[in-house]
Each structure stands twice: as C-alpha cells, then as structure tokens.
Amino acid sequence: MKTIFDTLSHTCSKCVTHAYSTSFSTATRMLAPSIRQDVYNIYGFVRLADEIVDSFHDYDKERLFKDFERDLHLAIENKISLNPILNAFQETAHKYNIEASLYNAFMKSMQQDLYKTEYKSFDDYKEYIYGSADVVGLMCLKVFVKGDPAKFEALKDSAMSLGSAFQKVNFLRDLKADYEDLSRSYFPHTNLAQLDEAGKKQIIDEIDSDFRKGYEGIAKLPVEAKFGVYTAFIYYKKLLHKLKKTPPMEIKNRRIRVSDYQKVGLLAKSYISYRLNLL
C-alpha cells in the first residue's frame, strides 16, 4: 500500500548520495542493481546524521540530533517513517538484519561531534573511528553478502579496515574544515597546529596499513559488490597519494581533491583490473 512512498524514499536517498559525494555515488553506481539502492539507503541515513553535527551551526544541533535519533528508533520499531531517508534506511535494516548495535554505535560517534573536539587517547580515537566509519562498512557488508552470517564474519575485519582508511583519508583531506573551522582534532598525539612531514607520515602510514588490510577482502566480495567497492578503493588511494605529495601547510590551507578528469581515468583503470580479474 505504500509503494509510491517507498519509491519516493529511495529517490531521496539516491539524491542525497549524488548531492554530497561524487566519488561515493560513482562507486555505488558500479554495484549491481540488486544491491545498489540499499547502499544509497545506508548513505542517506549516515549523511543526514553527519550533516546535523557538521553544518547546521545556526540551529539547535543538539535538539535536531535528539529528534533525528528518536525518529530513527521509531522508524525501526514501526517499519515506517514520514522522513523518507529514515523510511528507506529502516527498510534496508530489516531486509538484511542490520543489528541495532551498528547504527547505535554510529549515532554515538556522531553525537560526540556535538561537544568533543579532541581525541587525546588512542582508545577514544579508535572508538570514534569504529562508530563513525567501521560500522558503516559493516552495514554495507551486510548488504553485499545479503545477510549471510558466515560470509559476513569472513569479511568483517577487511570491511572495518577499509571503512577506517576512508574515514582517516577524509580527516586528513578535511584538515582545514575540521581543525581551523570546527576546532576538531581527531588524530591523537599529533599537534595539528604544527603539523610537519614527520607527523603527516605517521598518519599516512596508519592509513596505508588500513588500506592493505581492507584490500585483502575486496577480491573475496560477491561479484555484485566487487567492482563498486574496488572503485571506491581506487579513488581513495589516489586521494591519499595526492595528500602524500602535498606539503602539510598546504593541506591545512586548502582541500585536496581528485579532479573529475582523473576520476574518469581511475574508473576505466579499475574496470580493466576488474574484468581481467587482477584484483
């Protein structure tokens, strides 16, 4: 009876993905149609939560976040929400049995962005990364393996590592916005005010380690997911390569990005590797 509204909800999630991330939306389009919409549904949910804490500075962000969290749980409980993004997400959550512990951990990390600006201990940093990135990888993995528990467990660690790598690349890329504008410092034991090549290398070495662990799982993914995930991997590896070559002061002063022209070339390269089974 709510087919039209569900279709509208799917369209909204897809539009949010396309509006906020050209890289992720391109990678998602490389997924098989059978799982593509569900990844849009996950991204739409996590994007709106992140948008509350990162962008709505002229509004009561704490109130907005509490309302969004309440509506999330009501959507899961009632299997419907008049918020199209949450309606789409609850559908995917039920379809693939996405545990509450995953999206609750995500919401906990997002809530920390309302008041916490510095992560001084590695444990706090690791917990934040788990909630803000690892669980997003795990929710997507639920979709990729179509809820199969054995396949999920086999690929769980790689999915978390890939999620961590993507998030840490974002942290380094968005250093100006996070540190200069929002006064946030995610990397522990790193003085971002005086970031030098040694400090940058320490961060990049950590990201490279995550990428190596994450890459191990890509070849083992179901065929429906493999090309899309590999495309995202290639995009972020290219961005990390550009960050490696960029002086720390320049990273702090401008947002480094991969051009649309380069993305087209990377997409072609990843497709050739995929078709030749070179992953």
Protein backbone atom coordinates (compact mmCIF):
# COMPACT_ATOMS: atom_id res chain seq x y z
CA MET A 1 0.00 0.00 0.00
CA LYS A 2 2.94 2.37 0.45
CA THR A 3 4.75 1.55 -2.77
CA ILE A 4 4.73 5.15 -4.01
CA PHE A 5 6.13 6.46 -0.73
CA ASP A 6 8.82 3.78 -0.67
CA THR A 7 9.82 4.74 -4.21
CA LEU A 8 9.97 8.38 -3.13
CA SER A 9 12.12 7.38 -0.13
CA HIS A 10 14.53 5.51 -2.40
CA THR A 11 14.76 8.52 -4.71
CA CYS A 12 15.54 10.81 -1.77
CA SER A 13 18.36 8.56 -0.55
CA LYS A 14 19.82 8.38 -4.03
CA CYS A 15 19.61 12.18 -4.42
CA VAL A 16 21.36 12.72 -1.07
CA THR A 17 24.20 10.43 -2.17
CA HIS A 18 24.63 12.19 -5.51
CA ALA A 19 24.45 15.66 -3.93
CA TYR A 20 27.02 15.07 -1.19
CA SER A 21 29.62 12.71 -2.66
CA THR A 22 30.51 12.37 -6.32
CA SER A 23 33.11 9.69 -5.54
CA PHE A 24 30.82 7.53 -3.41
CA SER A 25 27.87 7.95 -5.78
CA THR A 26 30.02 6.88 -8.75
CA ALA A 27 31.30 3.86 -6.84
CA THR A 28 27.74 2.98 -5.80
CA ARG A 29 26.60 3.07 -9.43
CA MET A 30 29.20 0.38 -10.10
CA LEU A 31 27.40 -2.00 -7.73
CA ALA A 32 24.89 -4.48 -9.13
CA PRO A 33 21.32 -3.09 -9.33
CA SER A 34 20.19 -5.77 -6.87
CA ILE A 35 22.12 -4.11 -4.01
CA ARG A 36 22.66 -0.55 -5.24
CA GLN A 37 19.55 1.03 -3.71
CA ASP A 38 20.23 -0.43 -0.28
CA VAL A 39 23.66 1.22 -0.23
CA TYR A 40 22.02 4.52 -1.19
CA ASN A 41 19.65 3.98 1.74
CA ILE A 42 22.54 3.50 4.16
CA TYR A 43 24.45 6.50 2.84
CA GLY A 44 21.40 8.77 3.03
CA PHE A 45 20.95 7.94 6.71
CA VAL A 46 24.59 8.42 7.73
CA ARG A 47 24.89 11.59 5.64
CA LEU A 48 21.97 13.33 7.35
CA ALA A 49 23.24 12.50 10.83
CA ASP A 50 26.68 13.81 9.88
CA GLU A 51 25.16 16.92 8.34
CA ILE A 52 23.40 17.82 11.59
CA VAL A 53 26.63 17.91 13.60
CA ASP A 54 28.84 19.39 10.87
CA SER A 55 26.74 22.02 9.11
CA PHE A 56 23.67 23.29 10.94
CA HIS A 57 25.52 25.80 13.12
CA ASP A 58 22.69 28.37 13.12
CA TYR A 59 20.27 25.89 14.69
CA ASP A 60 19.98 23.90 17.89
CA LYS A 61 22.07 20.96 16.71
CA GLU A 62 21.65 19.00 19.93
CA ARG A 63 17.86 19.21 19.66
CA LEU A 64 17.94 18.30 15.97
CA PHE A 65 20.18 15.32 16.70
CA LYS A 66 17.97 14.04 19.52
CA ASP A 67 14.90 14.33 17.30
CA PHE A 68 16.66 12.50 14.47
CA GLU A 69 17.79 9.73 16.83
CA ARG A 70 14.27 9.38 18.24
CA ASP A 71 12.82 9.21 14.73
CA LEU A 72 15.41 6.59 13.76
CA HIS A 73 14.33 4.25 16.54
CA LEU A 74 10.65 4.86 15.80
CA ALA A 75 11.28 4.08 12.14
CA ILE A 76 12.94 0.78 13.04
CA GLU A 77 10.20 -0.10 15.53
CA ASN A 78 7.25 0.86 13.31
CA LYS A 79 8.81 -0.15 9.97
CA ILE A 80 7.83 3.22 8.54
CA SER A 81 8.80 6.87 8.89
CA LEU A 82 7.45 10.03 7.34
CA ASN A 83 11.09 11.06 7.00
CA PRO A 84 11.83 9.47 3.59
CA ILE A 85 15.52 8.95 4.41
CA LEU A 86 14.74 7.06 7.61
CA ASN A 87 11.95 5.15 5.89
CA ALA A 88 14.43 3.93 3.29
CA PHE A 89 17.03 3.05 5.92
CA GLN A 90 14.64 1.04 8.10
CA GLU A 91 13.66 -0.98 5.05
CA THR A 92 17.29 -1.92 4.40
CA ALA A 93 17.97 -2.54 8.10
CA HIS A 94 15.11 -5.03 8.31
CA LYS A 95 15.86 -6.61 4.93
CA TYR A 96 19.44 -7.51 5.89
CA ASN A 97 19.05 -7.80 9.66
CA ILE A 98 21.37 -4.88 10.42
CA GLU A 99 21.82 -5.00 14.18
CA ALA A 100 20.91 -2.03 16.33
CA SER A 101 24.41 -2.15 17.81
CA LEU A 102 25.80 -0.98 14.46
CA TYR A 103 23.67 2.09 13.86
CA ASN A 104 23.66 2.91 17.58
CA ALA A 105 27.48 2.96 17.56
CA PHE A 106 27.34 5.27 14.55
CA MET A 107 24.95 7.64 16.29
CA LYS A 108 27.14 7.65 19.41
CA SER A 109 30.17 8.79 17.41
CA MET A 110 28.15 11.45 15.61
CA GLN A 111 26.84 12.74 18.93
CA GLN A 112 30.42 13.15 20.15
CA ASP A 113 30.98 15.66 17.36
CA LEU A 114 28.48 17.93 19.09
CA TYR A 115 30.76 18.50 22.07
CA LYS A 116 34.08 16.67 21.76
CA THR A 117 36.83 18.43 19.83
CA GLU A 118 39.95 16.43 20.65
CA TYR A 119 40.87 12.75 20.93
CA LYS A 120 43.88 12.55 23.20
CA SER A 121 43.97 8.77 23.73
CA PHE A 122 44.24 6.08 21.09
CA ASP A 123 41.34 4.17 22.70
CA ASP A 124 38.98 7.15 22.36
CA TYR A 125 40.13 7.68 18.78
CA LYS A 126 39.63 4.01 17.95
CA GLU A 127 36.13 4.03 19.45
CA TYR A 128 35.20 7.11 17.43
CA ILE A 129 36.54 5.57 14.21
CA TYR A 130 34.63 2.36 14.90
CA GLY A 131 31.35 4.23 15.27
CA SER A 132 31.83 6.79 12.52
CA ALA A 133 33.38 4.56 9.86
CA ASP A 134 33.86 0.87 10.67
CA VAL A 135 30.17 0.23 11.31
CA VAL A 136 29.25 1.95 8.03
CA GLY A 137 31.49 -0.58 6.29
CA LEU A 138 29.81 -3.36 8.26
CA MET A 139 26.31 -2.17 7.36
CA CYS A 140 27.28 -2.11 3.69
CA LEU A 141 28.85 -5.56 4.07
CA LYS A 142 25.51 -6.86 5.36
CA VAL A 143 24.06 -5.79 2.03
CA PHE A 144 26.96 -7.13 -0.05
CA VAL A 145 26.69 -10.64 1.43
CA LYS A 146 22.88 -10.43 1.51
CA GLY A 147 22.80 -11.11 5.24
CA ASP A 148 24.79 -14.37 5.08
CA PRO A 149 26.33 -14.71 8.61
CA ALA A 150 29.29 -16.89 7.56
CA LYS A 151 30.32 -14.60 4.69
CA PHE A 152 29.86 -11.57 6.92
CA GLU A 153 32.20 -12.94 9.59
CA ALA A 154 34.81 -13.90 6.99
CA LEU A 155 34.93 -10.37 5.55
CA LYS A 156 34.19 -8.36 8.69
CA ASP A 157 37.76 -7.32 9.54
CA SER A 158 38.55 -6.21 5.99
CA ALA A 159 35.35 -4.16 5.78
CA MET A 160 36.21 -2.39 9.04
CA SER A 161 39.75 -1.65 7.88
CA LEU A 162 38.50 -0.20 4.61
CA GLY A 163 35.97 1.95 6.44
CA SER A 164 38.74 3.19 8.75
CA ALA A 165 41.01 4.01 5.81
CA PHE A 166 38.32 6.01 4.02
CA GLN A 167 37.49 7.97 7.18
CA LYS A 168 41.11 8.77 8.01
CA VAL A 169 41.73 9.97 4.46
CA ASN A 170 38.72 12.24 4.91
CA PHE A 171 40.18 13.54 8.18
CA LEU A 172 43.47 14.42 6.51
CA ARG A 173 41.79 15.92 3.44
CA ASP A 174 39.37 17.97 5.57
CA LEU A 175 42.02 19.21 7.99
CA LYS A 176 41.23 22.84 7.28
CA ALA A 177 37.48 22.49 7.82
CA ASP A 178 37.77 20.23 10.87
CA TYR A 179 40.67 21.90 12.66
CA GLU A 180 40.56 25.51 11.53
CA ASP A 181 36.77 25.93 11.30
CA LEU A 182 35.35 23.38 13.79
CA SER A 183 38.35 23.16 16.17
CA ARG A 184 38.36 19.36 15.91
CA SER A 185 41.49 17.26 16.21
CA TYR A 186 40.89 13.57 15.58
CA PHE A 187 44.44 12.21 15.40
CA PRO A 188 45.83 11.51 18.92
CA HIS A 189 49.35 12.59 19.88
CA THR A 190 49.51 14.81 16.79
CA ASN A 191 49.93 18.58 17.00
CA LEU A 192 47.90 19.73 14.02
CA ALA A 193 48.80 23.37 14.70
CA GLN A 194 52.41 22.47 13.90
CA LEU A 195 51.89 19.52 11.57
CA ASP A 196 55.14 18.64 9.80
CA GLU A 197 56.23 15.94 7.36
CA ALA A 198 57.04 13.50 10.19
CA GLY A 199 53.58 13.92 11.71
CA LYS A 200 51.91 13.61 8.32
CA LYS A 201 53.91 10.46 7.53
CA GLN A 202 52.79 8.87 10.80
CA ILE A 203 49.16 9.46 9.84
CA ILE A 204 49.67 8.21 6.28
CA ASP A 205 51.48 5.06 7.44
CA GLU A 206 48.47 4.25 9.61
CA ILE A 207 46.12 4.76 6.66
CA ASP A 208 48.30 2.63 4.37
CA SER A 209 48.11 -0.20 6.90
CA ASP A 210 44.30 0.03 6.92
CA PHE A 211 44.21 0.01 3.13
CA ARG A 212 46.36 -3.13 2.95
CA LYS A 213 44.04 -4.97 5.33
CA GLY A 214 40.95 -3.68 3.55
CA TYR A 215 42.22 -4.66 0.10
CA GLU A 216 42.56 -8.29 1.17
CA GLY A 217 38.78 -8.58 1.41
CA ILE A 218 37.85 -6.91 -1.87
CA ALA A 219 38.76 -9.92 -4.04
CA LYS A 220 36.62 -12.12 -1.78
CA LEU A 221 33.49 -9.99 -2.10
CA PRO A 222 30.47 -11.28 -4.04
CA VAL A 223 30.56 -10.33 -7.71
CA GLU A 224 27.65 -7.90 -7.23
CA ALA A 225 29.76 -5.74 -4.90
CA LYS A 226 33.35 -6.22 -6.02
CA PHE A 227 33.64 -3.61 -8.79
CA GLY A 228 31.86 -0.88 -6.83
CA VAL A 229 33.98 -1.36 -3.71
CA TYR A 230 37.17 -1.54 -5.78
CA THR A 231 36.23 1.72 -7.49
CA ALA A 232 35.89 3.45 -4.11
CA PHE A 233 39.21 1.91 -3.04
CA ILE A 234 40.98 3.26 -6.16
CA TYR A 235 39.50 6.74 -5.68
CA TYR A 236 40.61 6.99 -2.06
CA LYS A 237 44.05 5.54 -2.78
CA LYS A 238 44.54 8.24 -5.41
CA LEU A 239 43.45 10.92 -2.94
CA LEU A 240 45.89 9.56 -0.37
CA HIS A 241 48.66 9.62 -2.99
CA LYS A 242 47.95 13.30 -3.63
CA LEU A 243 47.97 14.02 0.11
CA LYS A 244 51.35 12.28 0.40
CA LYS A 245 52.80 14.67 -2.16
CA THR A 246 51.21 17.79 -0.65
CA PRO A 247 53.14 19.78 1.99
CA PRO A 248 51.47 19.83 5.45
CA MET A 249 50.89 23.60 5.37
CA GLU A 250 49.10 23.31 2.03
CA ILE A 251 46.85 20.54 3.40
CA LYS A 252 45.95 22.89 6.25
CA ASN A 253 45.14 25.74 3.87
CA ARG A 254 43.11 24.06 1.12
CA ARG A 255 41.05 20.96 0.46
CA ILE A 256 42.93 18.48 -1.73
CA ARG A 257 40.73 16.64 -4.22
CA VAL A 258 40.84 14.25 -7.17
CA SER A 259 39.67 16.02 -10.32
CA ASP A 260 36.71 14.75 -12.32
CA TYR A 261 39.09 14.09 -15.22
CA GLN A 262 41.27 11.90 -13.00
CA LYS A 263 38.21 10.07 -11.68
CA VAL A 264 37.20 9.06 -15.21
CA GLY A 265 40.67 7.63 -15.78
CA LEU A 266 40.60 5.80 -12.45
CA LEU A 267 37.19 4.34 -13.24
CA ALA A 268 38.48 2.98 -16.54
CA LYS A 269 41.56 1.56 -14.82
CA SER A 270 39.52 -0.13 -12.10
CA TYR A 271 37.14 -1.62 -14.69
CA ILE A 272 40.02 -3.14 -16.66
CA SER A 273 41.50 -4.63 -13.47
CA TYR A 274 38.09 -5.99 -12.52
CA ARG A 275 37.39 -7.52 -15.94
CA LEU A 276 40.85 -9.09 -16.13
CA ASN A 277 40.43 -10.46 -12.61
CA LEU A 278 43.55 -8.63 -11.43
CA LEU A 279 42.18 -7.67 -8.00
